[in-house]
Amino acid sequence: MNRRVFLTTSIGLASAPLWSQSHPPKPYSTDLLLGQKTLKLYKTSIPLAKKAGRAFEKMQNAARKEGIEIQIVSGYRSYERQKAIWNRKFKANKTAGYSDQENLKKIIEYSTLPGTSRHHWGAEVDLIDGSQPKNGDVLLTEKFKEKGPYAVLKKWMDEHANTFGFYLPYTENPQRKGFYYEPWHYSYAPLSIPLLKAYTELDLNQVLKTEGLEGKHALTTDFLQYYYQNHIMGINPLLKNF
């Protein structure tokens, strides 16, 4: 999207900022944090920022020696890509009879509002074991448990992922709020922690945009405040170490 056009349409829900007005520290520009900047990726098969990509490749090679082929289902995701996912889900839910508020609640069980996705940063990966058969939706919790096809991968990641800097943001902790448990989603902490810190210093009421976004009229100040506290910040405490 053209930056000039993008900047002309903001949420504009309140004159007072929802969060701090301070600017993110360099080198994390607002465009990068919102997924609006084209990110230089490590390689096509490892769509991550370079630092995260190098660490991932080391982890991948270590797992491969034990017969596990760590495969990325989703890595870096741009604002436009996230908006397409959001709009597709919103339209499908609307067709199914959901009200706007019900629609938002349903989408944010697993999917993020464009401009708020951790996948914008190039530090997040959704993983499966590529050596196993792929049937239907691969990113289902039950496939990572007990006799599921990715149970061995999950066990290996539980034992080794932290060694390479990767942590689950959306843990299976009943006390954690926000997005549902995602056993496939890992975050490269050495990069994502400072990125999150920079992100929390943005004034989202000023920088978050809704041009062409389905359901934008339902994004009230109260909803955004709830979403920030429970979804953006509803993560593994080890990834908020700043």
Protein backbone atom coordinates (compact mmCIF):
# COMPACT_ATOMS: atom_id res chain seq x y z
CA MET A 1 0.00 0.00 0.00
CA ASN A 2 1.20 3.52 -0.79
CA ARG A 3 2.45 5.05 2.46
CA ARG A 4 0.83 8.41 1.80
CA VAL A 5 -2.56 6.77 1.25
CA PHE A 6 -2.07 4.52 4.27
CA LEU A 7 -1.43 7.45 6.57
CA THR A 8 -4.62 9.25 5.60
CA THR A 9 -6.96 6.76 7.26
CA SER A 10 -6.56 6.20 11.00
CA ILE A 11 -8.83 4.74 13.64
CA GLY A 12 -9.58 8.18 15.04
CA LEU A 13 -11.62 6.84 17.95
CA ALA A 14 -10.47 9.23 20.64
CA SER A 15 -8.38 12.36 20.93
CA ALA A 16 -6.39 10.97 23.86
CA PRO A 17 -3.88 8.23 23.07
CA LEU A 18 -4.53 4.72 24.28
CA TRP A 19 -0.86 4.27 25.08
CA SER A 20 2.40 6.20 25.32
CA GLN A 21 3.19 8.90 22.76
CA SER A 22 6.93 8.20 22.82
CA HIS A 23 8.59 7.02 19.63
CA PRO A 24 10.07 3.54 19.18
CA PRO A 25 13.84 3.38 19.48
CA LYS A 26 15.91 2.89 16.37
CA PRO A 27 16.24 0.74 14.34
CA TYR A 28 12.58 -0.24 14.74
CA SER A 29 10.56 2.17 12.65
CA THR A 30 6.80 2.43 12.96
CA ASP A 31 6.42 1.00 9.45
CA LEU A 32 8.43 -2.07 10.44
CA LEU A 33 6.47 -2.61 13.65
CA LEU A 34 3.14 -2.39 11.79
CA GLY A 35 4.19 -4.69 8.94
CA GLN A 36 4.25 -1.81 6.45
CA LYS A 37 7.95 -2.04 5.67
CA THR A 38 9.28 -4.69 3.30
CA LEU A 39 11.50 -6.88 5.43
CA LYS A 40 14.74 -8.32 4.06
CA LEU A 41 14.35 -12.02 4.75
CA TYR A 42 17.04 -14.57 5.58
CA LYS A 43 16.09 -16.83 2.67
CA THR A 44 12.99 -17.95 0.76
CA SER A 45 12.68 -21.22 2.66
CA ILE A 46 13.19 -19.43 5.99
CA PRO A 47 11.06 -16.25 5.77
CA LEU A 48 12.45 -14.56 8.86
CA ALA A 49 14.62 -11.56 9.64
CA LYS A 50 18.30 -12.46 9.27
CA LYS A 51 19.10 -12.80 12.97
CA ALA A 52 16.08 -15.03 13.61
CA GLY A 53 16.68 -16.96 10.38
CA ARG A 54 20.22 -17.90 11.32
CA ALA A 55 19.08 -19.17 14.72
CA PHE A 56 16.20 -21.08 13.16
CA GLU A 57 18.49 -22.80 10.66
CA LYS A 58 20.74 -24.01 13.48
CA MET A 59 17.70 -25.38 15.31
CA GLN A 60 16.40 -26.99 12.13
CA ASN A 61 19.73 -28.72 11.50
CA ALA A 62 19.87 -30.01 15.08
CA ALA A 63 16.36 -31.47 14.82
CA ARG A 64 17.11 -33.01 11.44
CA LYS A 65 19.84 -35.14 13.03
CA GLU A 66 17.09 -36.75 15.11
CA GLY A 67 14.77 -37.40 12.17
CA ILE A 68 12.60 -34.30 12.65
CA GLU A 69 12.16 -31.95 9.69
CA ILE A 70 11.10 -28.59 11.14
CA GLN A 71 9.09 -26.89 8.41
CA ILE A 72 7.80 -23.31 8.49
CA VAL A 73 4.12 -23.00 7.63
CA SER A 74 4.13 -19.25 8.20
CA GLY A 75 6.91 -16.82 9.00
CA TYR A 76 7.04 -13.12 8.12
CA ARG A 77 3.63 -11.72 7.28
CA SER A 78 3.04 -8.23 5.90
CA TYR A 79 0.25 -5.86 6.91
CA GLU A 80 -1.52 -6.49 3.60
CA ARG A 81 -1.32 -10.25 4.04
CA GLN A 82 -2.72 -10.02 7.56
CA LYS A 83 -5.50 -7.72 6.36
CA ALA A 84 -6.45 -10.26 3.67
CA ILE A 85 -6.68 -13.01 6.31
CA TRP A 86 -8.76 -10.76 8.59
CA ASN A 87 -11.13 -9.67 5.83
CA ARG A 88 -11.65 -13.24 4.60
CA LYS A 89 -12.56 -14.44 8.09
CA PHE A 90 -14.78 -11.44 8.79
CA LYS A 91 -16.76 -11.94 5.57
CA ALA A 92 -17.16 -15.68 6.22
CA ASN A 93 -18.36 -15.10 9.78
CA LYS A 94 -20.76 -12.37 8.63
CA THR A 95 -22.24 -14.74 6.05
CA ALA A 96 -22.69 -17.28 8.86
CA GLY A 97 -24.79 -14.75 10.78
CA TYR A 98 -22.33 -13.31 13.30
CA SER A 99 -22.90 -9.76 14.51
CA ASP A 100 -19.93 -7.39 14.21
CA GLN A 101 -19.02 -7.79 17.88
CA GLU A 102 -19.40 -11.58 17.74
CA ASN A 103 -17.31 -11.56 14.59
CA LEU A 104 -14.43 -9.69 16.23
CA LYS A 105 -14.51 -12.00 19.24
CA LYS A 106 -14.42 -15.07 16.98
CA ILE A 107 -11.56 -13.83 14.80
CA ILE A 108 -9.30 -12.91 17.72
CA GLU A 109 -9.41 -16.40 19.13
CA TYR A 110 -6.43 -17.07 16.85
CA SER A 111 -6.00 -14.21 14.34
CA THR A 112 -4.62 -10.74 14.90
CA LEU A 113 -5.82 -7.32 13.87
CA PRO A 114 -3.64 -6.11 10.95
CA GLY A 115 -0.86 -3.92 12.27
CA THR A 116 -0.70 -5.83 15.56
CA SER A 117 0.60 -9.22 14.42
CA ARG A 118 3.89 -10.47 15.85
CA HIS A 119 4.41 -12.07 12.43
CA HIS A 120 5.01 -8.56 11.04
CA TRP A 121 8.42 -8.55 12.73
CA GLY A 122 10.11 -11.52 11.08
CA ALA A 123 10.75 -13.14 14.46
CA GLU A 124 7.77 -15.54 14.57
CA VAL A 125 7.21 -18.95 12.99
CA ASP A 126 4.37 -21.44 12.78
CA LEU A 127 5.93 -24.91 12.62
CA ILE A 128 5.13 -28.49 11.73
CA ASP A 129 7.20 -31.63 11.17
CA GLY A 130 7.58 -31.78 7.41
CA SER A 131 8.49 -35.48 7.54
CA GLN A 132 4.93 -36.34 8.57
CA PRO A 133 1.87 -36.68 6.30
CA LYS A 134 -0.16 -33.49 5.87
CA ASN A 135 -3.91 -34.00 6.09
CA GLY A 136 -6.32 -31.06 6.19
CA ASP A 137 -5.55 -28.15 8.50
CA VAL A 138 -2.09 -28.80 9.91
CA LEU A 139 -2.27 -26.13 12.62
CA LEU A 140 -4.63 -27.87 15.03
CA THR A 141 -3.80 -28.32 18.71
CA GLU A 142 -4.65 -32.02 18.73
CA LYS A 143 -2.03 -32.70 16.06
CA PHE A 144 0.69 -31.67 18.51
CA LYS A 145 -0.55 -33.88 21.35
CA GLU A 146 -0.31 -37.58 22.27
CA LYS A 147 -0.32 -39.61 19.03
CA GLY A 148 -0.74 -36.63 16.73
CA PRO A 149 1.63 -36.36 13.74
CA TYR A 150 3.56 -33.49 15.35
CA ALA A 151 3.75 -34.83 18.91
CA VAL A 152 7.41 -35.84 18.48
CA LEU A 153 8.22 -32.38 17.12
CA LYS A 154 6.48 -30.74 20.07
CA LYS A 155 8.39 -32.88 22.56
CA TRP A 156 11.68 -32.01 20.87
CA MET A 157 10.83 -28.31 20.85
CA ASP A 158 9.86 -28.44 24.53
CA GLU A 159 13.32 -29.80 25.28
CA HIS A 160 15.47 -27.79 22.87
CA ALA A 161 13.77 -24.70 21.42
CA ASN A 162 14.78 -22.36 24.24
CA THR A 163 18.43 -23.28 23.68
CA PHE A 164 18.18 -21.66 20.25
CA GLY A 165 16.22 -18.63 21.54
CA PHE A 166 12.71 -19.76 20.51
CA TYR A 167 9.76 -19.61 22.94
CA LEU A 168 6.01 -20.21 22.74
CA PRO A 169 4.22 -16.84 23.06
CA TYR A 170 0.74 -18.36 23.46
CA THR A 171 1.29 -21.00 26.12
CA GLU A 172 -1.14 -23.57 27.53
CA ASN A 173 -1.56 -21.61 30.75
CA PRO A 174 -5.15 -21.28 32.04
CA GLN A 175 -4.18 -17.98 33.69
CA ARG A 176 -3.06 -16.45 30.41
CA LYS A 177 -5.59 -14.28 28.58
CA GLY A 178 -5.91 -13.46 24.91
CA PHE A 179 -5.23 -15.72 21.95
CA TYR A 180 -5.85 -19.43 22.31
CA TYR A 181 -2.99 -21.84 22.93
CA GLU A 182 -0.82 -22.29 19.83
CA PRO A 183 1.66 -25.18 20.16
CA TRP A 184 2.96 -24.45 16.66
CA HIS A 185 3.87 -20.77 17.15
CA TYR A 186 7.40 -19.89 18.28
CA SER A 187 9.04 -16.51 18.80
CA TYR A 188 12.75 -15.73 18.55
CA ALA A 189 13.15 -13.94 21.88
CA PRO A 190 16.43 -12.05 21.28
CA LEU A 191 14.65 -10.17 18.49
CA SER A 192 10.97 -10.21 19.50
CA ILE A 193 11.54 -8.88 23.04
CA PRO A 194 13.05 -5.54 21.95
CA LEU A 195 10.53 -5.35 19.10
CA LEU A 196 7.64 -5.75 21.54
CA LYS A 197 9.13 -3.10 23.80
CA ALA A 198 9.27 -0.70 20.86
CA TYR A 199 5.74 -1.66 19.88
CA THR A 200 4.33 -0.89 23.33
CA GLU A 201 5.77 2.61 23.06
CA LEU A 202 3.67 3.39 19.99
CA ASP A 203 0.48 5.42 20.25
CA LEU A 204 -1.74 2.89 18.49
CA ASN A 205 -4.65 5.30 18.49
CA GLN A 206 -2.60 7.42 16.09
CA VAL A 207 -0.70 4.87 14.00
CA LEU A 208 -3.07 1.92 13.61
CA LYS A 209 -4.96 2.19 10.31
CA THR A 210 -8.22 0.69 9.10
CA GLU A 211 -8.45 1.59 5.41
CA GLY A 212 -10.18 -1.27 3.60
CA LEU A 213 -10.56 -3.29 6.81
CA GLU A 214 -13.75 -5.28 7.34
CA GLY A 215 -15.50 -4.51 10.64
CA LYS A 216 -13.53 -1.31 11.25
CA HIS A 217 -16.58 0.47 12.68
CA ALA A 218 -16.71 -2.08 15.51
CA LEU A 219 -13.15 -1.27 16.61
CA THR A 220 -14.12 0.94 19.50
CA THR A 221 -11.70 2.43 22.01
CA ASP A 222 -12.91 -0.07 24.62
CA PHE A 223 -12.34 -2.99 22.26
CA LEU A 224 -8.83 -1.84 21.39
CA GLN A 225 -7.95 -1.34 25.04
CA TYR A 226 -9.20 -4.85 25.83
CA TYR A 227 -7.37 -6.27 22.82
CA TYR A 228 -4.10 -4.60 23.78
CA GLN A 229 -4.16 -5.76 27.39
CA ASN A 230 -5.33 -9.32 26.76
CA HIS A 231 -4.05 -10.21 23.29
CA ILE A 232 -0.98 -8.13 22.49
CA MET A 233 0.27 -8.44 26.07
CA GLY A 234 -1.35 -11.81 26.84
CA ILE A 235 1.82 -13.75 26.12
CA ASN A 236 4.48 -15.85 27.80
CA PRO A 237 6.02 -13.64 30.55
CA LEU A 238 9.50 -14.63 29.34
CA LEU A 239 8.78 -12.68 26.13
CA LYS A 240 7.98 -9.51 28.10
CA ASN A 241 11.39 -9.35 29.78
CA PHE A 242 12.04 -5.61 29.37
